Amino acid sequence: MSTRTFLGIDTSNYTTSMALVDEVGNRIFDIRIPLKVREGGRGLRQQEAVFQHIKNLNEISEKIENQSRNIAVVTASSRPRMLDGSYMPVFEVSKSVGKLLSSLMGAEFIDTSHQRGHIRAAIENNLDVPTEFLAIHLSGGTLEIMKVCYMDGFLNEELLTGTSDISAGQLIDRIGVKLGFSFPAGREMERYLSEYTIADKVQNYSYKAYFKDSKLNLSGLENHLLRKIDEGAAKESIIYETFRNIAELIYDLSKFYSQSTGIKDVILTGGVAANSMIKNYLKQKSSAVSLEFLFCRSQDCTDNAYGVALIGMDQYKESGRKNKI
C-alpha cells in the first residue's frame, strides 16, 4: 500500500513556499523561494509580490516532477489570520493554485491561514508542548500573542493583543535599511552585531518599547532609534538597542498574559523569533521565573509551507480516526 502524502502551499509577502510531507510528518520536499526587493527598498507592493509568486511557482513546478502521486490533501494558506476580514491579495495565489491542484489530483482541499501554519511548524519542533499554550507570532507584518489550543489535530487561536502600529519585523527592517543593510535586514544586522561585545552597549541602552494595560506599540521606539541614527550613534549600538527592546517587550508581554491566563508555556514563531539575541535573553529570563519559552527551529521560523502541510496531515488523520469509531 502506497504512503499517502500531504501538500502545503504558502504565498506570503516575501516567500513562495511549497512542502510535501508523509503520514508521520517527514519532509519529502520543502521549497522556499524569497521574493526579490529592490536595493534600498523596504518591502513590496502586493501586485509586485503576486507577480513574483506566479513566476516562482513555475520554477517550483520544474523541481517537483513525479511527486504528485498519492497526495491525499492539498492545504493552502488563503489569508494572514483566522479572523473575519483578514485578507491579503498574495494569499489568493496559494488558495487558487491549491484548489486547482486538489481538483486535478482528486485530493481534499483545506483552507488555512499563514499564521496558523507558523504555529503548527513550531509545535512540530516542540512535540512535548501541552494542549494549551501561549503563542507569539513575530514577523515582518505581525507582533501578536494568542492563547492556543491544539487538540485532536485541530488548532484554535484566541487573539489576546497585538501591536497597534508597526510589527517587530517592520521595526527591524526600517532601522536596518536606514543603517544601510539590505531588506530584509534582520540577519545582516545580527551578523554585524556578533562582531562586537554586548557589554559595550549596555551603558547607553534605553528601554523604549511600549506595553501597558495590554496595549503595545513600537512607533515610539522607532522614532527614538531614528533620532539616534541622525545624531551619529554607533551602528552596533543601534542594532543592540533594537533587538534588546524587542526581547524585553516579548518578556513583559509573556509574563503579563501568563499571569492573566495561568498558562506557563510560550511558543515563539515567525521570522524574528529566529534572532539569537532575543532567544538568549528569553532563555536567561525563563530560568528565573515560572515561564517556559519554547522556540521554533530557526529554519522553520521564516515563512514556509511545512506547517501548512502538517495541518492537512493532522486533519486527514483525525477524520480517519473518527470514521473508525
Protein backbone atom coordinates (compact mmCIF):
# COMPACT_ATOMS: atom_id res chain seq x y z
CA MET A 1 0.00 0.00 0.00
CA SER A 2 1.42 3.38 -1.03
CA THR A 3 2.11 6.02 1.61
CA ARG A 4 -0.23 8.99 1.45
CA THR A 5 1.34 12.44 1.26
CA PHE A 6 0.21 15.96 2.13
CA LEU A 7 0.96 19.11 0.16
CA GLY A 8 1.17 22.61 1.64
CA ILE A 9 1.30 25.91 -0.26
CA ASP A 10 2.02 29.36 1.17
CA THR A 11 2.48 32.59 -0.78
CA SER A 12 3.30 35.22 1.83
CA ASN A 13 4.51 38.79 1.43
CA TYR A 14 8.12 37.73 0.93
CA THR A 15 8.38 33.98 0.22
CA THR A 16 6.87 31.45 -2.18
CA SER A 17 6.73 28.10 -0.39
CA MET A 18 5.63 24.56 -1.15
CA ALA A 19 6.18 21.49 1.04
CA LEU A 20 5.21 17.82 0.88
CA VAL A 21 5.16 15.59 3.98
CA ASP A 22 4.37 11.93 4.55
CA GLU A 23 1.95 10.37 7.04
CA VAL A 24 4.25 10.98 10.02
CA GLY A 25 5.29 14.49 9.05
CA ASN A 26 8.64 13.72 7.41
CA ARG A 27 9.53 16.21 4.68
CA ILE A 28 9.63 14.83 1.17
CA PHE A 29 10.47 18.29 -0.11
CA ASP A 30 10.38 21.78 1.37
CA ILE A 31 11.00 24.51 -1.20
CA ARG A 32 11.12 28.22 -0.35
CA ILE A 33 11.95 30.99 -2.79
CA PRO A 34 12.35 34.51 -1.33
CA LEU A 35 10.75 37.34 -3.25
CA LYS A 36 13.14 39.99 -4.56
CA VAL A 37 13.10 43.52 -3.14
CA ARG A 38 14.99 46.27 -4.93
CA GLU A 39 18.12 47.59 -3.22
CA GLY A 40 17.21 50.23 -0.65
CA GLY A 41 13.56 49.18 -0.67
CA ARG A 42 11.56 48.45 2.48
CA GLY A 43 9.11 45.97 1.02
CA LEU A 44 6.94 45.06 -1.97
CA ARG A 45 3.57 46.22 -3.22
CA GLN A 46 1.02 43.43 -3.29
CA GLN A 47 0.79 43.38 -7.09
CA GLU A 48 4.59 43.02 -7.33
CA ALA A 49 4.54 40.14 -4.86
CA VAL A 50 1.70 38.37 -6.67
CA PHE A 51 3.61 38.56 -9.96
CA GLN A 52 6.75 37.09 -8.37
CA HIS A 53 4.76 34.27 -6.74
CA ILE A 54 3.41 33.22 -10.13
CA LYS A 55 6.93 33.14 -11.58
CA ASN A 56 8.30 31.25 -8.57
CA LEU A 57 5.58 28.61 -8.69
CA ASN A 58 6.58 27.91 -12.28
CA GLU A 59 10.16 27.37 -11.05
CA ILE A 60 8.95 25.09 -8.24
CA SER A 61 6.91 23.00 -10.70
CA GLU A 62 10.13 22.13 -12.53
CA LYS A 63 11.69 20.85 -9.27
CA ILE A 64 8.92 18.54 -8.14
CA GLU A 65 8.16 16.37 -11.14
CA ASN A 66 6.79 12.89 -10.30
CA GLN A 67 5.92 13.92 -6.73
CA SER A 68 2.18 14.26 -7.26
CA ARG A 69 1.26 10.62 -6.65
CA ASN A 70 -0.75 9.67 -3.57
CA ILE A 71 -1.39 13.23 -2.39
CA ALA A 72 -4.40 12.94 -0.09
CA VAL A 73 -4.75 16.59 0.94
CA VAL A 74 -3.72 19.94 -0.50
CA THR A 75 -3.65 22.68 2.13
CA ALA A 76 -3.16 26.35 1.28
CA SER A 77 -2.83 29.48 3.38
CA SER A 78 -5.58 31.69 1.99
CA ARG A 79 -5.31 34.59 4.46
CA PRO A 80 -2.97 36.06 7.06
CA ARG A 81 -5.01 35.03 10.16
CA MET A 82 -8.10 33.00 11.01
CA LEU A 83 -10.14 36.15 11.61
CA ASP A 84 -13.09 37.62 9.74
CA GLY A 85 -11.87 40.24 7.30
CA SER A 86 -8.28 39.02 7.32
CA TYR A 87 -7.17 39.37 3.70
CA MET A 88 -4.13 39.99 1.51
CA PRO A 89 -4.03 39.54 -2.28
CA VAL A 90 -0.82 37.46 -2.12
CA PHE A 91 -2.67 34.60 -0.44
CA GLU A 92 -5.13 34.37 -3.32
CA VAL A 93 -2.25 32.80 -5.26
CA SER A 94 -1.79 29.86 -2.86
CA LYS A 95 -5.54 29.46 -2.48
CA SER A 96 -6.19 29.36 -6.24
CA VAL A 97 -3.25 27.06 -7.01
CA GLY A 98 -4.20 24.79 -4.11
CA LYS A 99 -7.79 24.44 -5.26
CA LEU A 100 -6.70 23.72 -8.82
CA LEU A 101 -4.17 21.07 -7.77
CA SER A 102 -6.58 19.37 -5.38
CA SER A 103 -9.21 19.17 -8.12
CA LEU A 104 -6.78 17.72 -10.66
CA MET A 105 -5.41 15.18 -8.17
CA GLY A 106 -8.74 14.20 -6.66
CA ALA A 107 -7.38 15.30 -3.27
CA GLU A 108 -9.16 17.03 -0.42
CA PHE A 109 -8.62 20.81 -0.19
CA ILE A 110 -8.13 22.50 3.18
CA ASP A 111 -8.13 26.24 3.68
CA THR A 112 -5.93 27.59 6.50
CA SER A 113 -4.04 30.75 7.47
CA HIS A 114 -0.42 31.82 7.20
CA GLN A 115 -0.26 32.42 10.96
CA ARG A 116 -1.68 29.00 11.77
CA GLY A 117 0.99 27.44 9.56
CA HIS A 118 3.69 29.19 11.59
CA ILE A 119 2.20 27.89 14.85
CA ARG A 120 1.91 24.33 13.53
CA ALA A 121 5.55 24.28 12.41
CA ALA A 122 6.61 25.45 15.88
CA ILE A 123 4.56 22.67 17.50
CA GLU A 124 6.37 20.08 15.38
CA ASN A 125 9.65 21.45 16.74
CA ASN A 126 8.34 21.08 20.32
CA LEU A 127 6.46 17.78 20.41
CA ASP A 128 6.05 17.88 24.19
CA VAL A 129 4.09 21.15 24.05
CA PRO A 130 0.93 20.98 26.20
CA THR A 131 -2.60 21.09 24.76
CA GLU A 132 -2.94 24.75 25.74
CA PHE A 133 -0.18 27.34 25.40
CA LEU A 134 0.57 30.95 24.51
CA ALA A 135 1.97 31.68 21.05
CA ILE A 136 3.76 34.85 20.00
CA HIS A 137 3.97 35.48 16.25
CA LEU A 138 6.93 37.75 15.44
CA SER A 139 7.29 38.51 11.75
CA GLY A 140 7.63 41.19 9.11
CA GLY A 141 3.97 42.08 9.42
CA THR A 142 2.88 40.74 12.80
CA LEU A 143 3.51 41.02 16.51
CA GLU A 144 0.66 39.21 18.25
CA ILE A 145 0.16 36.99 21.25
CA MET A 146 -2.52 34.30 21.25
CA LYS A 147 -3.96 31.71 23.55
CA VAL A 148 -3.80 28.47 21.55
CA CYS A 149 -5.45 25.08 21.95
CA TYR A 150 -4.07 22.16 19.92
CA MET A 151 -6.26 19.10 20.38
CA ASP A 152 -7.32 16.17 18.19
CA GLY A 153 -5.36 17.52 15.24
CA PHE A 154 -7.02 20.93 15.22
CA LEU A 155 -5.68 24.36 16.16
CA ASN A 156 -7.77 27.09 17.71
CA GLU A 157 -6.34 30.54 18.45
CA GLU A 158 -7.71 33.37 20.56
CA LEU A 159 -6.01 36.71 19.90
CA LEU A 160 -5.05 38.42 23.16
CA THR A 161 -3.35 41.51 21.80
CA GLY A 162 -1.08 42.82 19.06
CA THR A 163 0.74 45.98 18.10
CA SER A 164 -1.42 48.95 17.19
CA ASP A 165 1.14 50.32 14.75
CA ILE A 166 4.19 48.51 13.33
CA SER A 167 5.44 44.97 13.92
CA ALA A 168 8.79 43.84 15.30
CA GLY A 169 9.89 42.81 11.82
CA GLN A 170 8.94 46.18 10.34
CA LEU A 171 10.89 47.95 13.06
CA ILE A 172 13.99 45.85 12.40
CA ASP A 173 13.77 46.30 8.63
CA ARG A 174 13.15 50.06 8.78
CA ILE A 175 16.06 50.61 11.15
CA GLY A 176 18.25 48.19 9.19
CA VAL A 177 17.61 49.84 5.83
CA LYS A 178 18.27 53.25 7.42
CA LEU A 179 21.61 51.86 8.64
CA GLY A 180 22.46 50.68 5.12
CA PHE A 181 21.59 46.99 5.33
CA SER A 182 19.61 45.28 2.57
CA PHE A 183 15.97 44.25 3.03
CA PRO A 184 15.05 42.07 4.92
CA ALA A 185 17.69 43.34 7.33
CA GLY A 186 17.45 41.15 10.44
CA ARG A 187 20.07 38.52 9.62
CA GLU A 188 22.64 41.04 8.38
CA MET A 189 22.12 43.15 11.49
CA GLU A 190 22.56 40.11 13.73
CA ARG A 191 25.78 39.09 11.96
CA TYR A 192 27.11 42.63 12.23
CA LEU A 193 26.34 42.81 15.96
CA SER A 194 28.06 39.48 16.61
CA GLU A 195 31.39 41.18 15.88
CA TYR A 196 31.03 43.33 19.00
CA THR A 197 30.82 42.60 22.73
CA ILE A 198 27.37 43.28 24.14
CA ALA A 199 28.84 44.75 27.34
CA ASP A 200 29.95 47.77 25.33
CA LYS A 201 26.32 48.67 24.53
CA VAL A 202 24.58 48.41 27.90
CA GLN A 203 25.70 51.80 29.15
CA ASN A 204 23.73 53.72 26.50
CA TYR A 205 20.75 51.38 26.33
CA SER A 206 17.17 52.68 26.79
CA TYR A 207 14.01 50.57 27.00
CA LYS A 208 11.51 52.43 24.82
CA ALA A 209 9.05 49.75 23.60
CA TYR A 210 5.57 50.48 24.92
CA PHE A 211 3.42 47.92 26.71
CA LYS A 212 0.77 48.92 29.24
CA ASP A 213 -2.72 47.70 30.06
CA SER A 214 -2.49 45.07 27.26
CA LYS A 215 -1.70 47.75 24.66
CA LEU A 216 1.62 47.79 22.83
CA ASN A 217 3.27 49.79 20.09
CA LEU A 218 6.70 50.27 18.59
CA SER A 219 6.46 53.61 16.77
CA GLY A 220 7.90 55.50 19.75
CA LEU A 221 10.89 53.15 19.76
CA GLU A 222 11.29 53.60 16.01
CA ASN A 223 11.38 57.41 16.37
CA HIS A 224 13.89 57.11 19.23
CA LEU A 225 16.20 54.90 17.17
CA LEU A 226 15.94 57.03 14.02
CA ARG A 227 16.81 60.10 16.08
CA LYS A 228 19.88 58.33 17.48
CA ILE A 229 20.96 57.37 13.96
CA ASP A 230 20.66 61.01 12.86
CA GLU A 231 22.72 62.03 15.91
CA GLY A 232 25.51 59.71 14.78
CA ALA A 233 25.18 56.85 17.26
CA ALA A 234 27.31 53.79 16.51
CA LYS A 235 25.68 51.26 14.21
CA GLU A 236 26.25 48.37 16.63
CA SER A 237 24.67 50.37 19.46
CA ILE A 238 21.52 50.96 17.40
CA ILE A 239 21.25 47.28 16.48
CA TYR A 240 21.72 46.18 20.07
CA GLU A 241 19.07 48.60 21.29
CA THR A 242 16.62 47.41 18.60
CA PHE A 243 16.95 43.71 19.46
CA ARG A 244 17.10 44.23 23.22
CA ASN A 245 13.90 46.31 23.19
CA ILE A 246 12.06 43.60 21.29
CA ALA A 247 13.36 40.93 23.66
CA GLU A 248 12.24 42.86 26.75
CA LEU A 249 8.86 43.60 25.21
CA ILE A 250 8.30 39.90 24.49
CA TYR A 251 9.25 39.03 28.05
CA ASP A 252 6.87 41.64 29.53
CA LEU A 253 4.10 40.50 27.20
CA SER A 254 4.60 36.84 28.10
CA LYS A 255 4.73 37.50 31.83
CA PHE A 256 1.55 39.61 31.75
CA TYR A 257 -0.53 37.07 29.83
CA SER A 258 0.91 34.10 31.68
CA GLN A 259 -0.30 35.67 34.91
CA SER A 260 -3.74 36.52 33.50
CA THR A 261 -4.34 33.10 31.86
CA GLY A 262 -2.39 30.79 34.17
CA ILE A 263 -0.53 29.35 31.16
CA LYS A 264 3.22 28.92 31.60
CA ASP A 265 4.32 27.67 28.16
CA VAL A 266 5.07 30.28 25.47
CA ILE A 267 5.92 29.31 21.88
CA LEU A 268 7.71 31.84 19.68
CA THR A 269 7.45 31.64 15.92
CA GLY A 270 7.83 33.85 12.85
CA GLY A 271 10.97 35.19 11.20
CA VAL A 272 12.03 37.48 14.07
CA ALA A 273 11.83 34.55 16.50
CA ALA A 274 14.98 33.13 14.87
CA ASN A 275 17.03 36.03 16.28
CA SER A 276 19.67 34.54 18.61
CA MET A 277 19.96 37.61 20.85
CA ILE A 278 16.21 37.63 21.52
CA LYS A 279 16.20 33.88 22.19
CA ASN A 280 19.20 34.05 24.52
CA TYR A 281 17.65 36.89 26.53
CA LEU A 282 14.40 34.96 26.97
CA LYS A 283 16.23 31.76 27.90
CA GLN A 284 18.07 33.63 30.64
CA LYS A 285 14.85 35.18 31.91
CA SER A 286 12.91 31.90 31.90
CA SER A 287 15.37 30.35 34.35
CA ALA A 288 14.41 32.98 36.93
CA VAL A 289 10.62 32.94 36.51
CA SER A 290 7.89 30.33 36.07
CA LEU A 291 7.76 30.75 32.28
CA GLU A 292 8.78 28.12 29.75
CA PHE A 293 9.81 29.62 26.41
CA LEU A 294 9.66 27.15 23.52
CA PHE A 295 11.41 28.12 20.32
CA CYS A 296 10.68 27.13 16.75
CA ARG A 297 13.70 25.73 14.94
CA SER A 298 15.40 28.66 13.19
CA GLN A 299 14.90 27.18 9.71
CA ASP A 300 11.16 26.92 10.36
CA CYS A 301 10.71 30.38 11.89
CA THR A 302 10.79 32.02 8.49
CA ASP A 303 7.83 31.82 6.11
CA ASN A 304 7.26 28.27 4.94
CA ALA A 305 4.64 25.77 3.77
CA TYR A 306 5.87 23.00 6.07
CA GLY A 307 3.44 23.89 8.88
CA VAL A 308 0.66 24.30 6.31
CA ALA A 309 1.28 20.76 5.01
CA LEU A 310 1.25 19.40 8.58
CA ILE A 311 -2.19 20.96 9.14
CA GLY A 312 -3.53 18.92 6.24
CA MET A 313 -1.89 15.77 7.61
CA ASP A 314 -3.41 16.38 11.07
CA GLN A 315 -6.94 16.87 9.81
CA TYR A 316 -6.79 13.89 7.44
CA LYS A 317 -5.61 11.58 10.23
CA GLU A 318 -8.21 12.89 12.66
CA SER A 319 -11.06 12.44 10.17
CA GLY A 320 -9.84 8.88 9.56
CA ARG A 321 -9.78 8.19 13.29
CA LYS A 322 -13.34 9.44 13.69
CA ASN A 323 -14.55 7.30 10.79
CA LYS A 324 -13.19 4.20 12.55
CA ILE A 325 -15.10 4.94 15.76
